[in-house]
C-alpha atoms as a PDB file:
ATOM      1  CA  UNK A   1      11.983 -24.796  10.680  1.00  0.00           C
ATOM      2  CA  UNK A   2      12.584 -21.189   9.386  1.00  0.00           C
ATOM      3  CA  UNK A   3      10.879 -18.113  10.876  1.00  0.00           C
ATOM      4  CA  UNK A   4       8.153 -16.436   8.885  1.00  0.00           C
ATOM      5  CA  UNK A   5       8.800 -12.880   7.823  1.00  0.00           C
ATOM      6  CA  UNK A   6       6.589 -10.320   9.327  1.00  0.00           C
ATOM      7  CA  UNK A   7       6.103  -6.551   8.611  1.00  0.00           C
ATOM      8  CA  UNK A   8       7.744  -5.932  12.122  1.00  0.00           C
ATOM      9  CA  UNK A   9      10.778  -8.056  11.376  1.00  0.00           C
ATOM     10  CA  UNK A  10      11.035  -6.685   7.821  1.00  0.00           C
ATOM     11  CA  UNK A  11      11.066  -3.127   9.193  1.00  0.00           C
ATOM     12  CA  UNK A  12      13.701  -4.076  11.898  1.00  0.00           C
ATOM     13  CA  UNK A  13      15.851  -5.662   9.148  1.00  0.00           C
ATOM     14  CA  UNK A  14      15.731  -2.517   7.054  1.00  0.00           C
ATOM     15  CA  UNK A  15      16.645  -0.393  10.061  1.00  0.00           C
ATOM     16  CA  UNK A  16      19.544  -2.664  10.830  1.00  0.00           C
ATOM     17  CA  UNK A  17      20.783  -2.524   7.257  1.00  0.00           C
ATOM     18  CA  UNK A  18      20.567   1.236   7.208  1.00  0.00           C
ATOM     19  CA  UNK A  19      22.478   1.450  10.575  1.00  0.00           C
ATOM     20  CA  UNK A  20      25.218  -0.742   9.223  1.00  0.00           C
ATOM     21  CA  UNK A  21      25.420   1.257   6.044  1.00  0.00           C
ATOM     22  CA  UNK A  22      25.745   4.465   8.106  1.00  0.00           C
ATOM     23  CA  UNK A  23      28.610   2.989  10.125  1.00  0.00           C
ATOM     24  CA  UNK A  24      30.456   1.972   6.988  1.00  0.00           C
ATOM     25  CA  UNK A  25      29.975   5.472   5.446  1.00  0.00           C
ATOM     26  CA  UNK A  26      31.246   7.152   8.669  1.00  0.00           C
ATOM     27  CA  UNK A  27      34.256   4.943   8.828  1.00  0.00           C
ATOM     28  CA  UNK A  28      35.679   6.587   5.770  1.00  0.00           C
ATOM     29  CA  UNK A  29      37.201   3.274   4.662  1.00  0.00           C
ATOM     30  CA  UNK A  30      35.096   2.936   1.472  1.00  0.00           C
ATOM     31  CA  UNK A  31      36.255   4.071  -1.867  1.00  0.00           C
ATOM     32  CA  UNK A  32      34.212   6.890  -3.510  1.00  0.00           C
ATOM     33  CA  UNK A  33      32.576   4.373  -5.893  1.00  0.00           C
ATOM     34  CA  UNK A  34      31.666   1.998  -3.048  1.00  0.00           C
ATOM     35  CA  UNK A  35      30.294   4.846  -0.986  1.00  0.00           C
ATOM     36  CA  UNK A  36      28.246   6.115  -3.817  1.00  0.00           C
ATOM     37  CA  UNK A  37      26.795   2.567  -4.369  1.00  0.00           C
ATOM     38  CA  UNK A  38      25.993   2.267  -0.640  1.00  0.00           C
ATOM     39  CA  UNK A  39      24.267   5.650  -0.625  1.00  0.00           C
ATOM     40  CA  UNK A  40      22.038   4.397  -3.526  1.00  0.00           C
ATOM     41  CA  UNK A  41      21.281   1.338  -1.705  1.00  0.00           C
ATOM     42  CA  UNK A  42      20.384   3.335   1.440  1.00  0.00           C
ATOM     43  CA  UNK A  43      17.917   5.453  -0.650  1.00  0.00           C
ATOM     44  CA  UNK A  44      16.238   2.205  -1.785  1.00  0.00           C
ATOM     45  CA  UNK A  45      16.130   0.834   1.829  1.00  0.00           C
ATOM     46  CA  UNK A  46      14.751   4.095   3.124  1.00  0.00           C
ATOM     47  CA  UNK A  47      12.022   4.004   0.472  1.00  0.00           C
ATOM     48  CA  UNK A  48      11.077   0.513   1.543  1.00  0.00           C
ATOM     49  CA  UNK A  49      10.950   1.580   5.116  1.00  0.00           C
ATOM     50  CA  UNK A  50       8.794   4.600   4.319  1.00  0.00           C
ATOM     51  CA  UNK A  51       6.378   2.439   2.351  1.00  0.00           C
ATOM     52  CA  UNK A  52       6.012   0.051   5.258  1.00  0.00           C
ATOM     53  CA  UNK A  53       5.433   2.837   7.738  1.00  0.00           C
ATOM     54  CA  UNK A  54       2.781   4.438   5.451  1.00  0.00           C
ATOM     55  CA  UNK A  55       1.158   0.980   5.152  1.00  0.00           C
ATOM     56  CA  UNK A  56       0.997   0.662   8.955  1.00  0.00           C
ATOM     57  CA  UNK A  57      -0.355   4.168   9.316  1.00  0.00           C
ATOM     58  CA  UNK A  58      -3.197   3.368   6.863  1.00  0.00           C
ATOM     59  CA  UNK A  59      -3.944   0.141   8.790  1.00  0.00           C
ATOM     60  CA  UNK A  60      -4.049   1.947  12.070  1.00  0.00           C
ATOM     61  CA  UNK A  61      -6.253   4.684  10.610  1.00  0.00           C
ATOM     62  CA  UNK A  62      -8.635   2.085   9.172  1.00  0.00           C
ATOM     63  CA  UNK A  63      -8.751   0.262  12.384  1.00  0.00           C
ATOM     64  CA  UNK A  64      -9.488   3.452  14.373  1.00  0.00           C
ATOM     65  CA  UNK A  65     -12.261   4.423  11.887  1.00  0.00           C
ATOM     66  CA  UNK A  66     -13.799   0.931  12.111  1.00  0.00           C
ATOM     67  CA  UNK A  67     -13.595   1.171  15.942  1.00  0.00           C
ATOM     68  CA  UNK A  68     -15.534   4.457  16.130  1.00  0.00           C
ATOM     69  CA  UNK A  69     -18.260   3.068  13.917  1.00  0.00           C
ATOM     70  CA  UNK A  70     -19.058   0.310  16.404  1.00  0.00           C
END
């Protein structure tokens, strides 16, 4: 049976991928082209992480607002 993906595990996976990419970039072992490609991938991953964090903030804000109405 496979695990279901949750926003929490998705964000953790994005963070892990970004950390791995940072290690590769710091190693200095990548060619210029490979490093440039990896930087572009990091930008996409960071955008995905940002979108998830913004979504969570909206959910938290909405929950707080509903709680204060009760």
